[in-house]
Amino acid sequence: MVDSTDAAIVVNVDGKKILPAGTIIGGGFLSSLTAKATTQNDADAEGVLLYDVDVTYGDAPGAAVIHGFISKAKLPAAPDVAAVTALRGIKFLV
């Protein structure tokens, strides 16, 4: 689940709160069934959001890439060096 109270998720021009695909997320969701994913572009990163997630009306399910290849050019924000290190199962392509 993606946490709708994450302060990094802002309301867009259409009045929706959408976390875009490619956002680096964490929050302990890999190790806990009750933890919610939040934006986490740092050493606590756990995955990369696969699809846009609309949290306008509350927490919503999302899918995360935890192993694979991802083009840095297609991400909404460049991954932090610490996040790249934390995401050992992901190879970032230039």
Protein backbone atom coordinates (compact mmCIF):
# COMPACT_ATOMS: atom_id res chain seq x y z
CA MET A 1 0.00 0.00 0.00
CA VAL A 2 1.17 3.51 -0.80
CA ASP A 3 0.76 5.94 2.10
CA SER A 4 -1.58 8.78 1.13
CA THR A 5 -0.25 10.98 3.96
CA ASP A 6 3.28 11.11 2.51
CA ALA A 7 4.19 14.82 2.48
CA ALA A 8 6.15 14.41 -0.77
CA ILE A 9 2.95 13.66 -2.72
CA VAL A 10 1.46 16.94 -3.90
CA VAL A 11 -1.91 17.73 -5.43
CA ASN A 12 -1.67 18.20 -9.21
CA VAL A 13 -3.59 20.70 -11.39
CA ASP A 14 -6.54 18.29 -11.60
CA GLY A 15 -6.84 18.11 -7.81
CA LYS A 16 -5.43 14.56 -7.65
CA LYS A 17 -2.62 13.20 -5.48
CA ILE A 18 -0.67 10.90 -7.79
CA LEU A 19 2.69 9.33 -7.04
CA PRO A 20 4.33 8.84 -10.45
CA ALA A 21 5.84 5.62 -11.74
CA GLY A 22 9.59 5.56 -11.21
CA THR A 23 9.44 7.11 -7.76
CA ILE A 24 11.90 5.49 -5.38
CA ILE A 25 9.98 4.16 -2.39
CA GLY A 26 10.66 2.59 1.00
CA GLY A 27 9.09 2.71 4.43
CA GLY A 28 9.62 -0.88 5.51
CA PHE A 29 7.01 -2.40 3.19
CA LEU A 30 9.32 -5.31 2.30
CA SER A 31 9.75 -6.45 5.88
CA SER A 32 6.32 -5.73 7.36
CA LEU A 33 2.81 -6.57 6.23
CA THR A 34 1.46 -3.43 7.88
CA ALA A 35 4.05 -0.89 6.69
CA LYS A 36 3.05 1.54 3.95
CA ALA A 37 5.32 2.61 1.12
CA THR A 38 6.52 6.21 1.13
CA THR A 39 8.89 8.20 -1.06
CA GLN A 40 12.39 7.25 0.05
CA ASN A 41 15.21 8.46 -2.23
CA ASP A 42 17.93 7.62 0.31
CA ALA A 43 19.67 4.70 2.05
CA ASP A 44 16.27 3.33 3.18
CA ALA A 45 15.02 2.81 -0.39
CA GLU A 46 13.40 -0.58 -1.07
CA GLY A 47 12.10 -0.38 -4.62
CA VAL A 48 10.95 1.70 -7.58
CA LEU A 49 7.25 2.30 -8.16
CA LEU A 50 6.18 0.45 -11.32
CA TYR A 51 2.94 2.35 -12.09
CA ASP A 52 1.38 5.69 -11.16
CA VAL A 53 -0.59 5.38 -7.91
CA ASP A 54 -3.55 7.68 -7.17
CA VAL A 55 -3.83 8.30 -3.42
CA THR A 56 -6.35 11.15 -3.68
CA TYR A 57 -8.94 9.27 -1.62
CA GLY A 58 -6.60 7.39 0.71
CA ASP A 59 -3.97 4.68 0.70
CA ALA A 60 -3.83 2.69 -2.53
CA PRO A 61 -2.09 -0.49 -3.70
CA GLY A 62 1.01 -0.17 -5.83
CA ALA A 63 3.62 -2.39 -7.42
CA ALA A 64 7.35 -1.98 -6.91
CA VAL A 65 10.36 -3.20 -8.85
CA ILE A 66 12.85 -4.75 -6.43
CA HIS A 67 14.96 -6.62 -8.98
CA GLY A 68 15.66 -5.66 -12.57
CA PHE A 69 16.96 -2.98 -14.92
CA ILE A 70 15.69 0.62 -14.92
CA SER A 71 16.66 3.54 -17.14
CA LYS A 72 17.58 6.61 -15.06
CA ALA A 73 16.30 8.83 -17.88
CA LYS A 74 12.74 7.56 -17.34
CA LEU A 75 12.58 8.34 -13.62
CA PRO A 76 10.78 11.48 -12.37
CA ALA A 77 13.82 12.31 -10.20
CA ALA A 78 17.42 11.12 -10.30
CA PRO A 79 18.15 8.42 -7.72
CA ASP A 80 20.35 9.45 -4.82
CA VAL A 81 23.72 7.67 -4.57
CA ALA A 82 22.61 6.14 -1.25
CA ALA A 83 19.38 4.88 -2.85
CA VAL A 84 21.28 3.25 -5.72
CA THR A 85 23.47 1.47 -3.16
CA ALA A 86 20.44 0.37 -1.11
CA LEU A 87 18.66 -1.03 -4.17
CA ARG A 88 21.12 -3.87 -4.71
CA GLY A 89 18.76 -5.87 -6.91
CA ILE A 90 18.25 -3.03 -9.38
CA LYS A 91 20.72 -2.05 -12.07
CA PHE A 92 20.27 1.58 -13.14
CA LEU A 93 21.04 2.19 -16.81
CA VAL A 94 22.31 5.49 -18.17
